[in-house]
């Protein structure tokens, strides 16, 4: 039950970050690394949205209980998932 709640919270936070990325951008300002390496105008805004989307995906994995399985498979089988 705790995984479902944690996953739901992560999804909600990720959605808020993604939907309110402009307000968050004005709060934190430009992110130099993102502006330099993402190769698009407004790299900071894209980076903030990517963080939000990543958190949503991570929340889905945690909520469904597959995050632990994926991590276990990666680190216990020499990097081969499922085997």
PDB file of N, CA and C in Angstrom:
ATOM      1  N   UNK A   1       0.823  -1.202   0.000  1.00  0.00           N
ATOM      2  CA  UNK A   1       0.000   0.000   0.000  1.00  0.00           C
ATOM      3  C   UNK A   1       0.861   1.258   0.000  1.00  0.00           C
ATOM      4  N   UNK A   2       1.991   1.175   0.718  1.00  0.00           N
ATOM      5  CA  UNK A   2       2.889   2.323   0.794  1.00  0.00           C
ATOM      6  C   UNK A   2       3.492   2.684  -0.551  1.00  0.00           C
ATOM      7  N   UNK A   3       3.767   1.656  -1.382  1.00  0.00           N
ATOM      8  CA  UNK A   3       4.314   1.918  -2.711  1.00  0.00           C
ATOM      9  C   UNK A   3       3.311   2.673  -3.576  1.00  0.00           C
ATOM     10  N   UNK A   4       2.056   2.331  -3.453  1.00  0.00           N
ATOM     11  CA  UNK A   4       1.018   2.992  -4.246  1.00  0.00           C
ATOM     12  C   UNK A   4       0.913   4.462  -3.855  1.00  0.00           C
ATOM     13  N   UNK A   5       0.931   4.733  -2.566  1.00  0.00           N
ATOM     14  CA  UNK A   5       0.839   6.116  -2.085  1.00  0.00           C
ATOM     15  C   UNK A   5       2.068   6.906  -2.514  1.00  0.00           C
ATOM     16  N   UNK A   6       3.260   6.315  -2.349  1.00  0.00           N
ATOM     17  CA  UNK A   6       4.491   6.997  -2.753  1.00  0.00           C
ATOM     18  C   UNK A   6       4.479   7.277  -4.253  1.00  0.00           C
ATOM     19  N   UNK A   7       4.048   6.305  -5.042  1.00  0.00           N
ATOM     20  CA  UNK A   7       3.970   6.492  -6.484  1.00  0.00           C
ATOM     21  C   UNK A   7       2.992   7.585  -6.864  1.00  0.00           C
ATOM     22  N   UNK A   8       1.841   7.616  -6.202  1.00  0.00           N
ATOM     23  CA  UNK A   8       0.842   8.647  -6.477  1.00  0.00           C
ATOM     24  C   UNK A   8       1.383  10.033  -6.148  1.00  0.00           C
ATOM     25  N   UNK A   9       2.068  10.158  -5.018  1.00  0.00           N
ATOM     26  CA  UNK A   9       2.651  11.446  -4.625  1.00  0.00           C
ATOM     27  C   UNK A   9       3.690  11.890  -5.654  1.00  0.00           C
ATOM     28  N   UNK A  10       4.516  10.961  -6.115  1.00  0.00           N
ATOM     29  CA  UNK A  10       5.527  11.294  -7.117  1.00  0.00           C
ATOM     30  C   UNK A  10       4.879  11.734  -8.429  1.00  0.00           C
ATOM     31  N   UNK A  11       3.804  11.075  -8.823  1.00  0.00           N
ATOM     32  CA  UNK A  11       3.095  11.447 -10.048  1.00  0.00           C
ATOM     33  C   UNK A  11       2.514  12.847  -9.919  1.00  0.00           C
ATOM     34  N   UNK A  12       1.905  13.148  -8.784  1.00  0.00           N
ATOM     35  CA  UNK A  12       1.308  14.470  -8.577  1.00  0.00           C
ATOM     36  C   UNK A  12       2.385  15.549  -8.597  1.00  0.00           C
ATOM     37  N   UNK A  13       3.496  15.327  -7.888  1.00  0.00           N
ATOM     38  CA  UNK A  13       4.581  16.315  -7.868  1.00  0.00           C
ATOM     39  C   UNK A  13       5.152  16.498  -9.274  1.00  0.00           C
ATOM     40  N   UNK A  14       5.354  15.403 -10.003  1.00  0.00           N
ATOM     41  CA  UNK A  14       5.851  15.490 -11.373  1.00  0.00           C
ATOM     42  C   UNK A  14       4.906  16.259 -12.278  1.00  0.00           C
ATOM     43  N   UNK A  15       3.606  16.038 -12.117  1.00  0.00           N
ATOM     44  CA  UNK A  15       2.620  16.757 -12.925  1.00  0.00           C
ATOM     45  C   UNK A  15       2.638  18.246 -12.610  1.00  0.00           C
ATOM     46  N   UNK A  16       2.747  18.589 -11.338  1.00  0.00           N
ATOM     47  CA  UNK A  16       2.800  20.003 -10.951  1.00  0.00           C
ATOM     48  C   UNK A  16       4.054  20.656 -11.524  1.00  0.00           C
ATOM     49  N   UNK A  17       5.199  19.977 -11.426  1.00  0.00           N
ATOM     50  CA  UNK A  17       6.441  20.519 -11.983  1.00  0.00           C
ATOM     51  C   UNK A  17       6.293  20.738 -13.488  1.00  0.00           C
ATOM     52  N   UNK A  18       5.712  19.774 -14.188  1.00  0.00           N
ATOM     53  CA  UNK A  18       5.557  19.875 -15.634  1.00  0.00           C
ATOM     54  C   UNK A  18       4.576  20.981 -16.013  1.00  0.00           C
ATOM     55  N   UNK A  19       3.455  21.045 -15.335  1.00  0.00           N
ATOM     56  CA  UNK A  19       2.435  22.035 -15.683  1.00  0.00           C
ATOM     57  C   UNK A  19       2.803  23.445 -15.252  1.00  0.00           C
ATOM     58  N   UNK A  20       3.530  23.577 -14.165  1.00  0.00           N
ATOM     59  CA  UNK A  20       3.909  24.895 -13.641  1.00  0.00           C
ATOM     60  C   UNK A  20       5.389  25.189 -13.895  1.00  0.00           C
ATOM     61  N   UNK A  21       5.925  24.683 -15.007  1.00  0.00           N
ATOM     62  CA  UNK A  21       7.354  24.837 -15.281  1.00  0.00           C
ATOM     63  C   UNK A  21       7.754  26.300 -15.468  1.00  0.00           C
ATOM     64  N   UNK A  22       6.884  27.110 -16.027  1.00  0.00           N
ATOM     65  CA  UNK A  22       7.217  28.526 -16.227  1.00  0.00           C
ATOM     66  C   UNK A  22       7.368  29.241 -14.890  1.00  0.00           C
ATOM     67  N   UNK A  23       6.462  29.006 -13.966  1.00  0.00           N
ATOM     68  CA  UNK A  23       6.574  29.621 -12.638  1.00  0.00           C
ATOM     69  C   UNK A  23       7.817  29.113 -11.918  1.00  0.00           C
ATOM     70  N   UNK A  24       8.102  27.832 -12.051  1.00  0.00           N
ATOM     71  CA  UNK A  24       9.296  27.262 -11.430  1.00  0.00           C
ATOM     72  C   UNK A  24      10.553  27.848 -12.063  1.00  0.00           C
ATOM     73  N   UNK A  25      10.533  28.069 -13.381  1.00  0.00           N
ATOM     74  CA  UNK A  25      11.662  28.695 -14.065  1.00  0.00           C
ATOM     75  C   UNK A  25      11.917  30.091 -13.519  1.00  0.00           C
ATOM     76  N   UNK A  26      10.864  30.868 -13.316  1.00  0.00           N
ATOM     77  CA  UNK A  26      11.033  32.220 -12.772  1.00  0.00           C
ATOM     78  C   UNK A  26      11.549  32.178 -11.342  1.00  0.00           C
ATOM     79  N   UNK A  27      11.242  31.119 -10.606  1.00  0.00           N
ATOM     80  CA  UNK A  27      11.709  30.980  -9.226  1.00  0.00           C
ATOM     81  C   UNK A  27      13.187  30.601  -9.173  1.00  0.00           C
ATOM     82  N   UNK A  28      13.619  29.647  -9.994  1.00  0.00           N
ATOM     83  CA  UNK A  28      15.007  29.165  -9.930  1.00  0.00           C
ATOM     84  C   UNK A  28      15.932  29.868 -10.913  1.00  0.00           C
ATOM     85  N   UNK A  29      15.395  30.473 -11.955  1.00  0.00           N
ATOM     86  CA  UNK A  29      16.238  31.147 -12.933  1.00  0.00           C
ATOM     87  C   UNK A  29      16.803  30.186 -13.966  1.00  0.00           C
ATOM     88  N   UNK A  30      17.718  30.718 -14.775  1.00  0.00           N
ATOM     89  CA  UNK A  30      18.336  29.906 -15.825  1.00  0.00           C
ATOM     90  C   UNK A  30      19.265  28.866 -15.221  1.00  0.00           C
ATOM     91  N   UNK A  31      19.284  27.691 -15.828  1.00  0.00           N
ATOM     92  CA  UNK A  31      20.175  26.608 -15.420  1.00  0.00           C
ATOM     93  C   UNK A  31      21.248  26.521 -16.497  1.00  0.00           C
ATOM     94  N   UNK A  32      22.472  26.927 -16.138  1.00  0.00           N
ATOM     95  CA  UNK A  32      23.545  27.063 -17.125  1.00  0.00           C
ATOM     96  C   UNK A  32      23.821  25.754 -17.864  1.00  0.00           C
ATOM     97  N   UNK A  33      23.858  24.647 -17.137  1.00  0.00           N
ATOM     98  CA  UNK A  33      24.147  23.362 -17.771  1.00  0.00           C
ATOM     99  C   UNK A  33      23.098  23.032 -18.827  1.00  0.00           C
ATOM    100  N   UNK A  34      21.844  23.249 -18.499  1.00  0.00           N
ATOM    101  CA  UNK A  34      20.758  22.925 -19.426  1.00  0.00           C
ATOM    102  C   UNK A  34      20.805  23.826 -20.658  1.00  0.00           C
ATOM    103  N   UNK A  35      21.074  25.095 -20.459  1.00  0.00           N
ATOM    104  CA  UNK A  35      21.150  26.027 -21.579  1.00  0.00           C
ATOM    105  C   UNK A  35      22.277  25.633 -22.531  1.00  0.00           C
ATOM    106  N   UNK A  36      23.380  25.153 -21.981  1.00  0.00           N
ATOM    107  CA  UNK A  36      24.544  24.808 -22.794  1.00  0.00           C
ATOM    108  C   UNK A  36      24.399  23.454 -23.482  1.00  0.00           C
ATOM    109  N   UNK A  37      23.879  22.461 -22.787  1.00  0.00           N
ATOM    110  CA  UNK A  37      23.932  21.093 -23.291  1.00  0.00           C
ATOM    111  C   UNK A  37      22.661  20.586 -23.975  1.00  0.00           C
ATOM    112  N   UNK A  38      21.530  21.180 -23.760  1.00  0.00           N
ATOM    113  CA  UNK A  38      20.309  20.653 -24.373  1.00  0.00           C
ATOM    114  C   UNK A  38      20.145  21.094 -25.822  1.00  0.00           C
ATOM    115  N   UNK A  39      20.859  22.124 -26.225  1.00  0.00           N
ATOM    116  CA  UNK A  39      20.888  22.502 -27.626  1.00  0.00           C
ATOM    117  C   UNK A  39      19.612  23.115 -28.164  1.00  0.00           C
ATOM    118  N   UNK A  40      18.768  23.606 -27.298  1.00  0.00           N
ATOM    119  CA  UNK A  40      17.554  24.285 -27.746  1.00  0.00           C
ATOM    120  C   UNK A  40      17.450  25.621 -27.025  1.00  0.00           C
ATOM    121  N   UNK A  41      16.749  26.550 -27.647  1.00  0.00           N
ATOM    122  CA  UNK A  41      16.477  27.819 -26.974  1.00  0.00           C
ATOM    123  C   UNK A  41      15.506  27.544 -25.837  1.00  0.00           C
ATOM    124  N   UNK A  42      15.800  28.046 -24.664  1.00  0.00           N
ATOM    125  CA  UNK A  42      14.961  27.765 -23.505  1.00  0.00           C
ATOM    126  C   UNK A  42      15.273  26.419 -22.889  1.00  0.00           C
ATOM    127  N   UNK A  43      16.542  26.054 -22.870  1.00  0.00           N
ATOM    128  CA  UNK A  43      16.956  24.764 -22.344  1.00  0.00           C
ATOM    129  C   UNK A  43      16.569  24.550 -20.896  1.00  0.00           C
ATOM    130  N   UNK A  44      16.527  25.630 -20.119  1.00  0.00           N
ATOM    131  CA  UNK A  44      16.146  25.502 -18.711  1.00  0.00           C
ATOM    132  C   UNK A  44      14.698  25.064 -18.573  1.00  0.00           C
ATOM    133  N   UNK A  45      13.846  25.626 -19.400  1.00  0.00           N
ATOM    134  CA  UNK A  45      12.429  25.242 -19.352  1.00  0.00           C
ATOM    135  C   UNK A  45      12.247  23.782 -19.761  1.00  0.00           C
ATOM    136  N   UNK A  46      12.962  23.360 -20.791  1.00  0.00           N
ATOM    137  CA  UNK A  46      12.898  21.966 -21.236  1.00  0.00           C
ATOM    138  C   UNK A  46      13.406  21.045 -20.134  1.00  0.00           C
ATOM    139  N   UNK A  47      14.501  21.424 -19.485  1.00  0.00           N
ATOM    140  CA  UNK A  47      15.084  20.622 -18.414  1.00  0.00           C
ATOM    141  C   UNK A  47      14.098  20.456 -17.261  1.00  0.00           C
ATOM    142  N   UNK A  48      13.422  21.533 -16.893  1.00  0.00           N
ATOM    143  CA  UNK A  48      12.439  21.465 -15.807  1.00  0.00           C
ATOM    144  C   UNK A  48      11.299  20.524 -16.194  1.00  0.00           C
ATOM    145  N   UNK A  49      10.829  20.618 -17.438  1.00  0.00           N
ATOM    146  CA  UNK A  49       9.764  19.711 -17.894  1.00  0.00           C
ATOM    147  C   UNK A  49      10.239  18.263 -17.908  1.00  0.00           C
ATOM    148  N   UNK A  50      11.491  18.026 -18.320  1.00  0.00           N
ATOM    149  CA  UNK A  50      12.030  16.663 -18.325  1.00  0.00           C
ATOM    150  C   UNK A  50      12.118  16.089 -16.916  1.00  0.00           C
ATOM    151  N   UNK A  51      12.472  16.927 -15.948  1.00  0.00           N
ATOM    152  CA  UNK A  51      12.494  16.470 -14.557  1.00  0.00           C
ATOM    153  C   UNK A  51      11.088  16.052 -14.130  1.00  0.00           C
ATOM    154  N   UNK A  52      10.087  16.869 -14.464  1.00  0.00           N
ATOM    155  CA  UNK A  52       8.707  16.538 -14.119  1.00  0.00           C
ATOM    156  C   UNK A  52       8.237  15.252 -14.770  1.00  0.00           C
ATOM    157  N   UNK A  53       8.527  15.086 -16.060  1.00  0.00           N
ATOM    158  CA  UNK A  53       8.119  13.874 -16.769  1.00  0.00           C
ATOM    159  C   UNK A  53       8.846  12.657 -16.207  1.00  0.00           C
ATOM    160  N   UNK A  54      10.136  12.822 -15.901  1.00  0.00           N
ATOM    161  CA  UNK A  54      10.895  11.724 -15.300  1.00  0.00           C
ATOM    162  C   UNK A  54      10.325  11.301 -13.966  1.00  0.00           C
ATOM    163  N   UNK A  55       9.893  12.283 -13.178  1.00  0.00           N
ATOM    164  CA  UNK A  55       9.298  11.973 -11.881  1.00  0.00           C
ATOM    165  C   UNK A  55       7.961  11.254 -12.046  1.00  0.00           C
ATOM    166  N   UNK A  56       7.200  11.622 -13.062  1.00  0.00           N
ATOM    167  CA  UNK A  56       5.942  10.924 -13.345  1.00  0.00           C
ATOM    168  C   UNK A  56       6.215   9.465 -13.704  1.00  0.00           C
ATOM    169  N   UNK A  57       7.179   9.227 -14.585  1.00  0.00           N
ATOM    170  CA  UNK A  57       7.519   7.854 -14.987  1.00  0.00           C
ATOM    171  C   UNK A  57       8.013   7.061 -13.784  1.00  0.00           C
ATOM    172  N   UNK A  58       8.886   7.674 -12.985  1.00  0.00           N
ATOM    173  CA  UNK A  58       9.391   7.008 -11.788  1.00  0.00           C
ATOM    174  C   UNK A  58       8.250   6.693 -10.821  1.00  0.00           C
ATOM    175  N   UNK A  59       7.298   7.619 -10.680  1.00  0.00           N
ATOM    176  CA  UNK A  59       6.145   7.389  -9.820  1.00  0.00           C
ATOM    177  C   UNK A  59       5.291   6.225 -10.288  1.00  0.00           C
ATOM    178  N   UNK A  60       5.132   6.098 -11.605  1.00  0.00           N
ATOM    179  CA  UNK A  60       4.379   4.960 -12.143  1.00  0.00           C
ATOM    180  C   UNK A  60       5.099   3.658 -11.826  1.00  0.00           C
ATOM    181  N   UNK A  61       6.415   3.647 -12.008  1.00  0.00           N
ATOM    182  CA  UNK A  61       7.190   2.435 -11.715  1.00  0.00           C
ATOM    183  C   UNK A  61       7.122   2.068 -10.238  1.00  0.00           C
ATOM    184  N   UNK A  62       7.236   3.062  -9.367  1.00  0.00           N
ATOM    185  CA  UNK A  62       7.170   2.800  -7.926  1.00  0.00           C
ATOM    186  C   UNK A  62       5.772   2.333  -7.542  1.00  0.00           C
ATOM    187  N   UNK A  63       4.756   3.017  -8.045  1.00  0.00           N
ATOM    188  CA  UNK A  63       3.376   2.684  -7.693  1.00  0.00           C
ATOM    189  C   UNK A  63       2.949   1.299  -8.127  1.00  0.00           C
ATOM    190  N   UNK A  64       3.485   0.830  -9.245  1.00  0.00           N
ATOM    191  CA  UNK A  64       3.127  -0.503  -9.724  1.00  0.00           C
ATOM    192  C   UNK A  64       4.047  -1.588  -9.183  1.00  0.00           C
ATOM    193  N   UNK A  65       5.080  -1.177  -8.476  1.00  0.00           N
ATOM    194  CA  UNK A  65       5.996  -2.139  -7.871  1.00  0.00           C
ATOM    195  C   UNK A  65       7.057  -2.670  -8.809  1.00  0.00           C
ATOM    196  N   UNK A  66       7.183  -2.095  -9.988  1.00  0.00           N
ATOM    197  CA  UNK A  66       8.171  -2.587 -10.943  1.00  0.00           C
ATOM    198  C   UNK A  66       9.531  -1.927 -10.801  1.00  0.00           C
ATOM    199  N   UNK A  67       9.616  -0.805 -10.106  1.00  0.00           N
ATOM    200  CA  UNK A  67      10.898  -0.115  -9.941  1.00  0.00           C
ATOM    201  C   UNK A  67      11.911  -1.010  -9.239  1.00  0.00           C
ATOM    202  N   UNK A  68      11.504  -1.630  -8.156  1.00  0.00           N
ATOM    203  CA  UNK A  68      12.404  -2.518  -7.418  1.00  0.00           C
ATOM    204  C   UNK A  68      12.842  -3.702  -8.248  1.00  0.00           C
ATOM    205  N   UNK A  69      11.923  -4.248  -9.042  1.00  0.00           N
ATOM    206  CA  UNK A  69      12.257  -5.380  -9.908  1.00  0.00           C
ATOM    207  C   UNK A  69      13.293  -4.984 -10.958  1.00  0.00           C
ATOM    208  N   UNK A  70      13.113  -3.810 -11.542  1.00  0.00           N
ATOM    209  CA  UNK A  70      14.052  -3.343 -12.564  1.00  0.00           C
ATOM    210  C   UNK A  70      15.431  -3.124 -11.960  1.00  0.00           C
ATOM    211  N   UNK A  71      15.491  -2.454 -10.815  1.00  0.00           N
ATOM    212  CA  UNK A  71      16.780  -2.204 -10.161  1.00  0.00           C
ATOM    213  C   UNK A  71      17.447  -3.520  -9.774  1.00  0.00           C
ATOM    214  N   UNK A  72      16.676  -4.451  -9.237  1.00  0.00           N
ATOM    215  CA  UNK A  72      17.233  -5.757  -8.866  1.00  0.00           C
ATOM    216  C   UNK A  72      17.777  -6.482 -10.089  1.00  0.00           C
ATOM    217  N   UNK A  73      17.032  -6.483 -11.180  1.00  0.00           N
ATOM    218  CA  UNK A  73      17.497  -7.149 -12.398  1.00  0.00           C
ATOM    219  C   UNK A  73      18.770  -6.511 -12.942  1.00  0.00           C
ATOM    220  N   UNK A  74      18.835  -5.198 -12.926  1.00  0.00           N
ATOM    221  CA  UNK A  74      20.013  -4.515 -13.461  1.00  0.00           C
ATOM    222  C   UNK A  74      21.255  -4.844 -12.647  1.00  0.00           C
ATOM    223  N   UNK A  75      21.144  -4.799 -11.332  1.00  0.00           N
ATOM    224  CA  UNK A  75      22.329  -4.950 -10.500  1.00  0.00           C
ATOM    225  C   UNK A  75      22.646  -6.392 -10.111  1.00  0.00           C
ATOM    226  N   UNK A  76      21.727  -7.317 -10.320  1.00  0.00           N
ATOM    227  CA  UNK A  76      22.015  -8.691  -9.911  1.00  0.00           C
ATOM    228  C   UNK A  76      22.398  -9.603 -11.070  1.00  0.00           C
ATOM    229  N   UNK A  77      22.127  -9.195 -12.291  1.00  0.00           N
ATOM    230  CA  UNK A  77      22.404 -10.083 -13.423  1.00  0.00           C
ATOM    231  C   UNK A  77      23.476  -9.521 -14.349  1.00  0.00           C
ATOM    232  N   UNK A  78      24.315  -8.655 -13.829  1.00  0.00           N
ATOM    233  CA  UNK A  78      25.370  -8.106 -14.664  1.00  0.00           C
ATOM    234  C   UNK A  78      24.877  -7.152 -15.728  1.00  0.00           C
ATOM    235  N   UNK A  79      23.747  -6.508 -15.491  1.00  0.00           N
ATOM    236  CA  UNK A  79      23.219  -5.536 -16.429  1.00  0.00           C
ATOM    237  C   UNK A  79      22.244  -6.095 -17.442  1.00  0.00           C
ATOM    238  N   UNK A  80      21.963  -7.376 -17.423  1.00  0.00           N
ATOM    239  CA  UNK A  80      21.021  -7.980 -18.362  1.00  0.00           C
ATOM    240  C   UNK A  80      19.648  -8.041 -17.710  1.00  0.00           C
ATOM    241  N   UNK A  81      18.722  -7.284 -18.230  1.00  0.00           N
ATOM    242  CA  UNK A  81      17.379  -7.261 -17.664  1.00  0.00           C
ATOM    243  C   UNK A  81      16.673  -8.567 -18.009  1.00  0.00           C
ATOM    244  N   UNK A  82      16.080  -9.172 -16.986  1.00  0.00           N
ATOM    245  CA  UNK A  82      15.305 -10.383 -17.182  1.00  0.00           C
ATOM    246  C   UNK A  82      16.115 -11.666 -17.199  1.00  0.00           C
ATOM    247  N   UNK A  83      17.396 -11.563 -16.884  1.00  0.00           N
ATOM    248  CA  UNK A  83      18.077 -12.800 -17.028  1.00  0.00           C
ATOM    249  C   UNK A  83      19.124 -13.137 -16.085  1.00  0.00           C
TER     250      UNK A  83
END
